[in-house]
């Protein structure tokens, strides 16, 4: 039995859990990877699964042209066998593994599942894949493995950027880390890694470092000391946009899993207070663990499970100086990191998410002191969730005005800044900094916000 066959079976099982059972890739991998002893095997399994999900729609089309009839999907074993074909194509196409090794291990995996009768079919299909050419779909969405509805949204919102967005979403994301400043400055961390032969590059966020080559964070010098944590550049910039300072009273409204919470605590530097809220107690437990590990002596920090929009259930009546609202969204800006979103997200979800974002904005903004600021952020590329959401909020809320953010935060949409996936190596993200007007009944008021420009 080929030594890699078991790994291919495991990869197929992950795909079954994600594609056929509707589970999130992150949760399935969290269960699967600890059971694989060799870190190289863990890395290979992740690479295969990510590639198969990024390119799934195109692979399904290719298989529909090469197979006389679809493979059965009646039982768990049937589904695992069928998903093995995605595993095989991902190895040969996206990953470019040596054809003989990839083909041999995948065919042996079919036998390992007790379907020896299909080994000839698998061998023929995968050999055909190595010879090429592959059939080319007419549909742009299928060619780039995106849902039809999402391609339509991109074409409407960003007509001049569609090809770049589709390509970026199917590209492996780099590894970004945040130095746990001010205790561990970025320059000192980069120098330490350089001595260990690990190259990194600083990014536009003050504490950001991008690794030149992907590596497992746990094997980097300083991991056990808590001198850094994994966080994409775009998420780090969200903390910088809010610009909190020692002495402030801060709310992190949708805080889990906690990366931005750590950034806010670093900016407060043991001064002021930070309340982190999340509606999911399990995710909040992960946040508390992260803070305990990396900032164990954080003063003025509290975490609470609550619906941030139900203010009466958690607010003590005192205003906040700053609020970070990293709102639930379509996550269309992080498809390269979470490719299962393409399989799970539905167009009907967008209206529900927009309504939730509206509810959170309307509930939280009045909690600011006059002159205080709220950063509305999403990891979405859809204007309905981003600049159009902010424009509508400004029309509803006369006490709010849009504060200026510089070009580091992306394209000026008129009602916030939009970053796109791959820009400076970061994820797609949106930022709008909203300031509560100081109370001055005798002073002039700004004119109403203009309507949002259309694409």
Protein backbone atom coordinates (compact mmCIF):
# COMPACT_ATOMS: atom_id res chain seq x y z
CA UNK A 1 0.00 0.00 0.00
CA UNK A 2 1.35 3.41 -1.02
CA UNK A 3 2.44 5.38 2.04
CA UNK A 4 0.59 8.46 0.76
CA UNK A 5 -2.71 6.67 0.14
CA UNK A 6 -3.98 7.19 3.70
CA UNK A 7 -3.28 10.91 3.44
CA UNK A 8 -5.28 11.16 0.19
CA UNK A 9 -8.18 9.31 1.82
CA UNK A 10 -8.06 11.77 4.71
CA UNK A 11 -8.07 14.71 2.28
CA UNK A 12 -11.11 13.25 0.52
CA UNK A 13 -12.89 12.87 3.87
CA UNK A 14 -12.23 16.53 4.65
CA UNK A 15 -13.79 17.46 1.29
CA UNK A 16 -16.83 15.29 2.02
CA UNK A 17 -17.30 17.05 5.36
CA UNK A 18 -17.06 20.48 3.73
CA UNK A 19 -18.85 19.95 0.40
CA UNK A 20 -21.40 17.29 1.24
CA UNK A 21 -22.06 17.86 4.94
CA UNK A 22 -21.83 21.64 4.89
CA UNK A 23 -19.18 21.94 7.61
CA UNK A 24 -16.61 24.72 7.74
CA UNK A 25 -13.12 23.91 6.51
CA UNK A 26 -11.57 25.51 9.58
CA UNK A 27 -13.47 23.29 12.02
CA UNK A 28 -12.84 20.09 10.04
CA UNK A 29 -9.11 20.77 9.80
CA UNK A 30 -9.00 21.55 13.53
CA UNK A 31 -10.24 18.02 14.16
CA UNK A 32 -8.19 16.30 11.45
CA UNK A 33 -4.70 17.80 11.55
CA UNK A 34 -3.81 16.88 15.18
CA UNK A 35 -4.16 13.21 14.21
CA UNK A 36 -1.40 13.47 11.58
CA UNK A 37 2.00 13.10 13.22
CA UNK A 38 4.35 14.33 10.49
CA UNK A 39 4.15 18.13 9.97
CA UNK A 40 5.04 17.64 6.30
CA UNK A 41 1.99 15.41 5.88
CA UNK A 42 -0.18 17.97 7.66
CA UNK A 43 1.06 20.63 5.28
CA UNK A 44 0.42 18.46 2.24
CA UNK A 45 -3.11 17.61 3.34
CA UNK A 46 -3.91 21.29 3.86
CA UNK A 47 -2.43 22.19 0.47
CA UNK A 48 -4.46 19.50 -1.33
CA UNK A 49 -7.73 20.45 0.35
CA UNK A 50 -7.29 24.19 -0.18
CA UNK A 51 -6.42 23.67 -3.85
CA UNK A 52 -9.37 21.34 -4.43
CA UNK A 53 -11.80 23.85 -2.87
CA UNK A 54 -10.34 26.86 -4.67
CA UNK A 55 -10.72 25.16 -8.07
CA UNK A 56 -13.62 22.82 -7.35
CA UNK A 57 -16.07 24.16 -9.90
CA UNK A 58 -13.60 23.92 -12.77
CA UNK A 59 -12.52 20.44 -11.68
CA UNK A 60 -16.15 19.31 -11.54
CA UNK A 61 -16.65 20.60 -15.08
CA UNK A 62 -13.55 18.77 -16.35
CA UNK A 63 -14.71 15.53 -14.73
CA UNK A 64 -18.18 15.94 -16.27
CA UNK A 65 -16.50 15.94 -19.69
CA UNK A 66 -14.22 12.99 -19.00
CA UNK A 67 -16.60 10.63 -17.20
CA UNK A 68 -19.33 8.78 -19.04
CA UNK A 69 -21.54 9.18 -15.97
CA UNK A 70 -21.06 10.78 -12.54
CA UNK A 71 -19.74 8.58 -9.76
CA UNK A 72 -22.39 7.50 -7.24
CA UNK A 73 -22.82 9.61 -4.10
CA UNK A 74 -25.26 7.42 -2.18
CA UNK A 75 -23.08 6.39 0.77
CA UNK A 76 -20.27 7.94 2.80
CA UNK A 77 -17.79 5.69 1.01
CA UNK A 78 -19.22 6.65 -2.39
CA UNK A 79 -18.80 10.34 -1.59
CA UNK A 80 -15.25 9.82 -0.37
CA UNK A 81 -14.34 7.97 -3.57
CA UNK A 82 -15.89 10.71 -5.72
CA UNK A 83 -14.04 13.44 -3.85
CA UNK A 84 -10.79 11.55 -4.40
CA UNK A 85 -10.97 12.66 -8.03
CA UNK A 86 -10.82 16.28 -6.84
CA UNK A 87 -7.85 15.29 -4.69
CA UNK A 88 -6.12 13.83 -7.72
CA UNK A 89 -6.74 16.83 -9.99
CA UNK A 90 -5.64 19.29 -7.31
CA UNK A 91 -2.31 17.51 -6.95
CA UNK A 92 -1.64 17.48 -10.69
CA UNK A 93 -2.99 20.93 -11.55
CA UNK A 94 -2.78 23.51 -8.77
CA UNK A 95 0.01 21.90 -6.74
CA UNK A 96 2.06 20.54 -9.63
CA UNK A 97 3.14 17.41 -7.74
CA UNK A 98 5.16 14.77 -9.63
CA UNK A 99 2.55 12.94 -11.73
CA UNK A 100 3.73 9.42 -10.94
CA UNK A 101 3.63 9.93 -7.17
CA UNK A 102 0.28 11.76 -7.19
CA UNK A 103 -1.35 9.23 -9.50
CA UNK A 104 -0.01 6.18 -7.66
CA UNK A 105 -1.05 7.45 -4.22
CA UNK A 106 -4.54 8.45 -5.38
CA UNK A 107 -5.23 5.15 -7.14
CA UNK A 108 -4.01 3.26 -4.07
CA UNK A 109 -6.38 5.38 -1.99
CA UNK A 110 -9.31 4.06 -4.05
CA UNK A 111 -8.18 0.53 -3.25
CA UNK A 112 -7.78 1.45 0.41
CA UNK A 113 -11.46 2.44 0.41
CA UNK A 114 -12.39 -1.02 -0.88
CA UNK A 115 -13.27 0.09 -4.42
CA UNK A 116 -10.58 -1.76 -6.37
CA UNK A 117 -12.95 -2.00 -9.32
CA UNK A 118 -12.64 1.76 -9.84
CA UNK A 119 -8.86 1.84 -9.82
CA UNK A 120 -8.69 1.48 -13.62
CA UNK A 121 -11.09 4.39 -14.09
CA UNK A 122 -9.07 6.59 -11.72
CA UNK A 123 -5.84 5.63 -13.43
CA UNK A 124 -7.29 6.53 -16.85
CA UNK A 125 -8.76 9.87 -15.74
CA UNK A 126 -5.64 11.03 -13.92
CA UNK A 127 -3.37 9.97 -16.78
CA UNK A 128 -5.60 11.97 -19.10
CA UNK A 129 -5.16 14.94 -16.75
CA UNK A 130 -1.38 14.68 -17.02
CA UNK A 131 -1.47 14.62 -20.83
CA UNK A 132 -3.92 17.47 -21.41
CA UNK A 133 -5.36 19.59 -22.83
CA UNK A 134 -8.18 20.03 -20.35
CA UNK A 135 -11.65 20.98 -21.62
CA UNK A 136 -12.29 24.71 -21.29
CA UNK A 137 -15.69 25.82 -19.93
CA UNK A 138 -17.58 28.63 -21.66
CA UNK A 139 -18.68 30.12 -18.36
CA UNK A 140 -16.36 32.68 -16.78
CA UNK A 141 -17.64 31.70 -13.34
CA UNK A 142 -16.84 28.02 -13.93
CA UNK A 143 -13.39 28.78 -15.38
CA UNK A 144 -12.50 30.67 -12.20
CA UNK A 145 -14.49 28.43 -9.82
CA UNK A 146 -16.76 31.13 -8.41
CA UNK A 147 -20.53 31.01 -7.84
CA UNK A 148 -22.54 32.66 -10.62
CA UNK A 149 -24.18 35.10 -8.22
CA UNK A 150 -20.85 36.28 -6.81
CA UNK A 151 -19.40 36.88 -10.27
CA UNK A 152 -22.47 39.00 -11.08
CA UNK A 153 -21.88 41.05 -7.93
CA UNK A 154 -18.23 41.59 -8.78
CA UNK A 155 -19.14 42.64 -12.33
CA UNK A 156 -21.67 45.16 -10.98
CA UNK A 157 -19.54 46.52 -8.12
CA UNK A 158 -16.01 46.42 -9.58
CA UNK A 159 -16.29 45.99 -13.38
CA UNK A 160 -12.68 46.99 -14.05
CA UNK A 161 -11.28 44.68 -11.36
CA UNK A 162 -13.17 41.44 -11.97
CA UNK A 163 -10.33 39.42 -13.49
CA UNK A 164 -7.91 40.53 -10.77
CA UNK A 165 -10.41 39.61 -8.03
CA UNK A 166 -11.09 36.16 -9.48
CA UNK A 167 -7.37 35.44 -9.82
CA UNK A 168 -6.52 36.72 -6.33
CA UNK A 169 -9.25 34.62 -4.73
CA UNK A 170 -7.68 31.46 -6.19
CA UNK A 171 -4.15 32.31 -5.04
CA UNK A 172 -2.51 31.05 -1.87
CA UNK A 173 -2.39 33.76 0.80
CA UNK A 174 0.96 34.67 2.38
CA UNK A 175 1.59 34.29 6.09
CA UNK A 176 1.31 37.58 7.98
CA UNK A 177 2.28 37.92 11.62
CA UNK A 178 1.91 40.73 14.14
CA UNK A 179 4.71 41.48 16.59
CA UNK A 180 3.33 41.67 20.12
CA UNK A 181 4.38 45.30 20.54
CA UNK A 182 5.35 47.31 22.47
CA UNK A 183 6.94 44.51 24.49
CA UNK A 184 8.39 42.85 21.38
CA UNK A 185 9.15 45.41 18.63
CA UNK A 186 8.84 44.36 15.01
CA UNK A 187 12.46 45.17 14.14
CA UNK A 188 13.79 43.02 16.99
CA UNK A 189 11.54 40.11 15.97
CA UNK A 190 12.61 40.36 12.32
CA UNK A 191 16.28 40.43 13.37
CA UNK A 192 15.79 37.33 15.52
CA UNK A 193 14.22 35.45 12.64
CA UNK A 194 16.94 36.61 10.28
CA UNK A 195 19.56 35.07 12.56
CA UNK A 196 17.63 31.80 12.25
CA UNK A 197 17.65 32.03 8.45
CA UNK A 198 14.02 33.19 8.17
CA UNK A 199 13.39 36.20 5.94
CA UNK A 200 10.48 38.56 6.53
CA UNK A 201 9.27 41.88 5.16
CA UNK A 202 7.56 44.69 7.11
CA UNK A 203 4.11 45.71 5.89
CA UNK A 204 2.10 48.94 5.97
CA UNK A 205 0.73 48.17 9.45
CA UNK A 206 3.17 49.23 12.17
CA UNK A 207 3.73 45.78 13.71
CA UNK A 208 3.20 43.62 10.61
CA UNK A 209 5.68 41.13 9.17
CA UNK A 210 5.22 38.98 6.07
CA UNK A 211 7.23 35.78 5.82
CA UNK A 212 9.13 35.31 2.59
CA UNK A 213 8.26 31.59 2.64
CA UNK A 214 5.36 29.87 4.34
CA UNK A 215 6.21 28.16 7.60
CA UNK A 216 4.25 26.74 10.49
CA UNK A 217 4.01 29.52 13.10
CA UNK A 218 4.69 27.09 15.96
CA UNK A 219 8.15 26.38 14.51
CA UNK A 220 9.19 30.04 14.39
CA UNK A 221 11.55 31.44 17.05
CA UNK A 222 9.55 33.24 19.71
CA UNK A 223 6.28 31.34 19.30
CA UNK A 224 6.42 29.76 22.76
CA UNK A 225 7.23 33.16 24.28
CA UNK A 226 4.16 34.84 22.81
CA UNK A 227 6.15 37.47 20.93
CA UNK A 228 3.85 37.36 17.87
CA UNK A 229 0.58 35.98 16.59
CA UNK A 230 -0.85 35.20 13.15
CA UNK A 231 -2.96 38.01 11.69
CA UNK A 232 -3.44 39.23 8.15
CA UNK A 233 -2.23 42.69 7.21
CA UNK A 234 -5.75 43.97 6.50
CA UNK A 235 -6.97 42.97 9.96
CA UNK A 236 -3.97 44.69 11.55
CA UNK A 237 -4.81 47.88 9.68
CA UNK A 238 -8.31 47.87 11.18
CA UNK A 239 -6.82 48.39 14.64
CA UNK A 240 -4.60 51.20 13.34
CA UNK A 241 -7.56 52.93 11.68
CA UNK A 242 -9.31 53.28 15.03
CA UNK A 243 -6.14 54.83 16.54
CA UNK A 244 -6.86 54.12 20.21
CA UNK A 245 -4.52 55.55 22.85
CA UNK A 246 -3.76 54.84 26.53
CA UNK A 247 -6.53 55.99 28.84
CA UNK A 248 -9.37 55.34 26.41
CA UNK A 249 -12.49 53.33 27.13
CA UNK A 250 -12.83 50.95 24.16
CA UNK A 251 -15.42 48.45 22.93
CA UNK A 252 -14.52 45.54 20.64
CA UNK A 253 -18.06 44.66 19.60
CA UNK A 254 -17.70 41.41 17.60
CA UNK A 255 -14.36 40.40 19.03
CA UNK A 256 -13.73 36.68 18.53
CA UNK A 257 -11.38 35.07 17.69
CA UNK A 258 -9.35 37.91 19.25
CA UNK A 259 -6.55 39.05 16.96
CA UNK A 260 -7.84 42.62 16.84
CA UNK A 261 -8.48 42.53 20.58
CA UNK A 262 -4.77 41.92 21.11
CA UNK A 263 -3.93 44.86 18.85
CA UNK A 264 -6.26 47.14 20.79
CA UNK A 265 -4.75 46.03 24.10
CA UNK A 266 -1.27 46.74 22.75
CA UNK A 267 -2.34 50.24 21.73
CA UNK A 268 -3.87 50.88 25.17
CA UNK A 269 -0.60 49.66 26.73
CA UNK A 270 -2.04 48.89 30.18
CA UNK A 271 -3.96 52.19 30.24
CA UNK A 272 -7.73 52.62 29.90
CA UNK A 273 -10.14 49.72 29.50
CA UNK A 274 -11.33 47.32 26.83
CA UNK A 275 -14.59 45.38 26.76
CA UNK A 276 -14.67 42.52 24.23
CA UNK A 277 -18.08 41.16 23.25
CA UNK A 278 -19.05 38.17 21.17
CA UNK A 279 -22.36 36.39 20.82
CA UNK A 280 -20.72 32.94 20.74
CA UNK A 281 -19.46 31.76 24.13
CA UNK A 282 -17.23 29.08 22.56
CA UNK A 283 -15.48 31.61 20.34
CA UNK A 284 -15.19 33.96 23.29
CA UNK A 285 -13.42 31.23 25.26
CA UNK A 286 -10.80 31.07 22.48
CA UNK A 287 -10.39 34.84 22.71
CA UNK A 288 -9.84 34.69 26.47
CA UNK A 289 -7.24 31.94 25.98
CA UNK A 290 -5.43 34.03 23.38
CA UNK A 291 -5.32 37.10 25.62
CA UNK A 292 -4.21 35.00 28.61
CA UNK A 293 -1.37 33.54 26.55
CA UNK A 294 -0.09 36.71 24.88
CA UNK A 295 -1.10 39.52 27.26
CA UNK A 296 -1.63 37.77 30.61
CA UNK A 297 -1.37 40.95 32.67
CA UNK A 298 -3.75 43.06 30.56
CA UNK A 299 -5.32 45.56 32.93
CA UNK A 300 -8.82 46.89 32.36
CA UNK A 301 -9.75 43.99 30.08
CA UNK A 302 -13.07 42.18 30.24
CA UNK A 303 -14.74 39.72 27.86
CA UNK A 304 -18.44 39.00 27.84
CA UNK A 305 -20.79 36.81 25.80
CA UNK A 306 -23.60 39.04 24.57
CA UNK A 307 -25.46 40.23 21.50
CA UNK A 308 -23.78 43.59 20.93
CA UNK A 309 -26.96 45.04 19.42
CA UNK A 310 -28.97 44.25 22.58
CA UNK A 311 -27.36 47.13 24.47
CA UNK A 312 -29.59 46.98 27.54
CA UNK A 313 -28.31 43.49 28.30
CA UNK A 314 -24.66 44.45 28.76
CA UNK A 315 -24.02 48.22 28.72
CA UNK A 316 -23.42 50.05 32.00
CA UNK A 317 -24.42 53.46 30.69
CA UNK A 318 -20.94 54.94 30.38
CA UNK A 319 -19.94 56.13 26.90
CA UNK A 320 -17.00 54.76 24.92
CA UNK A 321 -14.16 56.74 23.40
CA UNK A 322 -13.72 54.22 20.58
CA UNK A 323 -15.66 51.25 19.20
CA UNK A 324 -14.43 48.60 16.78
CA UNK A 325 -17.28 46.99 14.86
CA UNK A 326 -15.76 44.24 12.72
CA UNK A 327 -19.19 43.29 11.50
CA UNK A 328 -20.44 39.85 10.40
CA UNK A 329 -20.32 39.84 6.61
CA UNK A 330 -20.15 37.72 3.46
CA UNK A 331 -16.37 37.23 3.92
CA UNK A 332 -15.93 37.64 0.17
CA UNK A 333 -12.60 39.39 0.75
CA UNK A 334 -10.97 36.33 2.32
CA UNK A 335 -11.93 33.58 -0.13
CA UNK A 336 -8.27 32.71 -0.67
CA UNK A 337 -7.98 31.91 3.06
CA UNK A 338 -11.42 30.31 3.40
CA UNK A 339 -12.25 28.81 -0.01
CA UNK A 340 -15.16 26.83 1.45
CA UNK A 341 -17.08 30.13 1.55
CA UNK A 342 -17.58 29.76 -2.21
CA UNK A 343 -19.46 26.52 -1.58
CA UNK A 344 -21.41 27.66 1.48
CA UNK A 345 -22.37 31.31 0.92
CA UNK A 346 -25.67 32.00 -0.85
CA UNK A 347 -26.87 35.22 -2.45
CA UNK A 348 -29.87 35.24 -0.11
CA UNK A 349 -27.44 35.55 2.80
CA UNK A 350 -26.43 39.07 1.79
CA UNK A 351 -29.72 40.78 2.66
CA UNK A 352 -29.71 39.05 6.05
CA UNK A 353 -26.13 40.18 6.73
CA UNK A 354 -26.87 43.76 5.63
CA UNK A 355 -29.81 43.89 8.03
CA UNK A 356 -27.61 42.62 10.88
CA UNK A 357 -24.90 45.18 10.08
CA UNK A 358 -27.52 47.93 10.09
CA UNK A 359 -28.83 46.77 13.45
CA UNK A 360 -25.35 46.77 14.97
CA UNK A 361 -24.42 50.19 13.60
CA UNK A 362 -27.65 51.78 14.84
CA UNK A 363 -27.31 50.21 18.29
CA UNK A 364 -23.62 50.90 18.92
CA UNK A 365 -22.99 54.36 17.49
CA UNK A 366 -25.06 56.15 20.19
CA UNK A 367 -22.76 54.59 22.83
CA UNK A 368 -19.92 56.89 21.74
CA UNK A 369 -19.11 60.06 23.64
CA UNK A 370 -19.30 63.24 21.57
CA UNK A 371 -16.11 63.29 19.52
CA UNK A 372 -15.69 59.52 19.87
CA UNK A 373 -15.08 57.25 16.90
CA UNK A 374 -16.47 53.95 15.61
CA UNK A 375 -14.64 51.94 12.98
CA UNK A 376 -17.01 49.95 10.81
CA UNK A 377 -15.02 47.18 9.13
CA UNK A 378 -15.82 44.09 7.07
CA UNK A 379 -13.82 41.48 5.18
CA UNK A 380 -16.26 41.87 2.29
CA UNK A 381 -15.84 43.08 -1.29
CA UNK A 382 -19.57 43.78 -1.79
CA UNK A 383 -20.55 47.44 -1.84
CA UNK A 384 -23.99 46.70 -0.39
CA UNK A 385 -22.24 45.68 2.83
CA UNK A 386 -19.62 48.41 2.67
CA UNK A 387 -19.83 51.93 1.24
CA UNK A 388 -23.57 51.72 0.53
CA UNK A 389 -24.18 50.51 4.07
CA UNK A 390 -22.21 53.48 5.43
CA UNK A 391 -23.95 55.97 3.13
CA UNK A 392 -27.34 54.76 4.35
CA UNK A 393 -26.20 55.00 7.97
CA UNK A 394 -25.02 58.59 7.52
CA UNK A 395 -28.44 59.51 6.12
CA UNK A 396 -30.12 57.96 9.17
CA UNK A 397 -27.74 59.35 11.81
CA UNK A 398 -27.30 63.15 11.74
CA UNK A 399 -24.80 63.02 14.64
CA UNK A 400 -22.37 60.97 12.54
CA UNK A 401 -19.74 62.14 10.10
CA UNK A 402 -17.09 60.30 8.13
CA UNK A 403 -13.50 60.82 9.31
CA UNK A 404 -10.55 60.68 6.93
CA UNK A 405 -8.42 57.58 6.41
CA UNK A 406 -5.29 57.71 4.28
CA UNK A 407 -4.35 55.66 1.24
CA UNK A 408 -2.91 52.77 3.29
CA UNK A 409 -6.50 51.70 3.86
CA UNK A 410 -7.32 51.27 0.19
CA UNK A 411 -9.45 52.83 -2.50
CA UNK A 412 -11.55 55.86 -1.50
CA UNK A 413 -15.15 54.86 -2.29
CA UNK A 414 -16.65 58.13 -1.06
CA UNK A 415 -17.94 56.47 2.10
CA UNK A 416 -14.93 54.53 3.33
CA UNK A 417 -11.85 52.73 2.03
CA UNK A 418 -11.78 49.41 0.19
CA UNK A 419 -8.76 47.11 0.04
CA UNK A 420 -8.72 44.23 -2.42
CA UNK A 421 -7.27 40.71 -1.95
CA UNK A 422 -3.60 40.62 -2.84
CA UNK A 423 -3.11 44.36 -2.37
CA UNK A 424 0.22 44.64 -0.53
CA UNK A 425 -0.23 40.90 0.02
CA UNK A 426 -3.22 41.44 2.33
CA UNK A 427 -6.85 40.32 2.32
CA UNK A 428 -9.85 42.20 0.98
CA UNK A 429 -11.18 44.55 3.66
CA UNK A 430 -13.36 47.64 4.07
CA UNK A 431 -12.95 50.45 6.62
CA UNK A 432 -15.16 53.43 7.47
CA UNK A 433 -14.24 55.63 10.43
CA UNK A 434 -17.35 57.29 11.84
CA UNK A 435 -17.10 60.15 14.30
CA UNK A 436 -19.84 61.36 16.62
CA UNK A 437 -20.19 65.11 16.29
CA UNK A 438 -19.41 67.19 19.37
CA UNK A 439 -22.62 68.64 20.82
CA UNK A 440 -22.80 72.31 19.81
CA UNK A 441 -26.42 73.36 19.21
CA UNK A 442 -25.35 76.89 18.20
CA UNK A 443 -22.79 75.77 15.62
CA UNK A 444 -23.37 75.02 11.96
CA UNK A 445 -24.07 71.50 10.84
CA UNK A 446 -22.41 69.79 7.93
CA UNK A 447 -24.58 69.24 4.83
CA UNK A 448 -26.16 65.80 4.41
CA UNK A 449 -23.90 63.08 3.05
CA UNK A 450 -24.04 62.87 -0.76
CA UNK A 451 -25.47 59.72 -2.36
CA UNK A 452 -22.96 56.92 -2.80
CA UNK A 453 -21.46 56.82 -6.31
CA UNK A 454 -22.43 53.81 -8.37
CA UNK A 455 -19.96 51.57 -10.15
